Amino acid sequence: MTMAAGDGGALFMAVDGGGTGCRARLETADGKVLGGGLAGPAATRIGIDASWAAISTAFGNALAEAGIARDAAGHIRAGIGVAGLSRQGAREALEARAHPFASVRFASDGEIACLGAHGGRDGAIVIVGTGSCGLARLAGETIKIGGYGFPISDEGSGAYLGLRVVRAAMMAHDGRIARTALLGEIMGRFDDDPGQAVQWMDRATATDYAAFAPIVVRHADEGDPAARRIMQDAAAAIETIGRTLFERGAERLSLIGGLASVIESWLAPDLRRRLSPQLGDSLDGAAILAGRPATVE
């Protein structure tokens, strides 16, 4: 499909610049998708130049799929969510970049996720993935709970599950707690050698710790007592974030992220009943940020 610069009325470029990859989507005012694009990581921790390169590649691919040249994109309004936008100087540096659009609005990746989850209306989210964070948009104010980075924060996340299980495995190796099938499997990953675990720890990232989360979940489903304790503790941490957001005035709360459905099953029944389904995803939120009308009633 080829479109002239003025065809189709208002157009909106939505970009979700995350830590593992960047997605872009070009939409009409009624939400019809005209083109999409992908690129590598865009979090500001990799540097502003690399972040903008990924963002530019993703929206460039979306424009190309829609048949619109970059120099013919002056009628398009863009909304761009970026992981790590709160880093000192990051927003200013990105806002200073030349772009082909009529306008560009930036927000954090959490903010566009919240916008999308509630169709642009007020509401709150708890993100549960490699990390964790609570976020609410209430009467024009953005409230953030946690999400300060692993290991000092990100309670209840995949990385948190990994940290807890490695710690418990080492304690079981010492005989301080009972060794279970889960803890035995974890120590087996280090050939039952604490020295290997310490060597791994010196280089391990949050993503490395989160790689143990599926093992914890599997053993919890099989009834392993250590796994169940770790899952219960993680769920309690997520519950605290959720209840705090309700106390701050949120009326809608959605659980999102790769571990959301798993953690939800461990939450207290009263909190589970108060959860609201997602109305849209992060790209929907970025489109709303750009100015696209909310399409969900």
Foldseek 3Di string as FASTA:
>chain_A
DADALCPQPEKEKFWQAAQAWIKIFIAHLLGHTQFIFIFGHQACVVPLVVNVVRRCRGVCRRCVSNNHHQQSAARYFFFYAHANCPPPPNVVVNLPDDGSYVYYHYDHLLQLQQCQQVLNDWAKEWEAELFIKIWTQDPNDIDIDWPPFPPVTRFLHLLNLLVLLQVVLVCCLVVNDPDWPLSVVVCVVQVVDVVSVVVCVVPDGSVNSSVCSVSLLVVVVVPTPSSVVSLLRSLVVSVVSQVVVVVVPGQEYAYDYDCRVVSLVNHDPVSNVSYDGGNGGSSSSRRVVSPRRRNDD
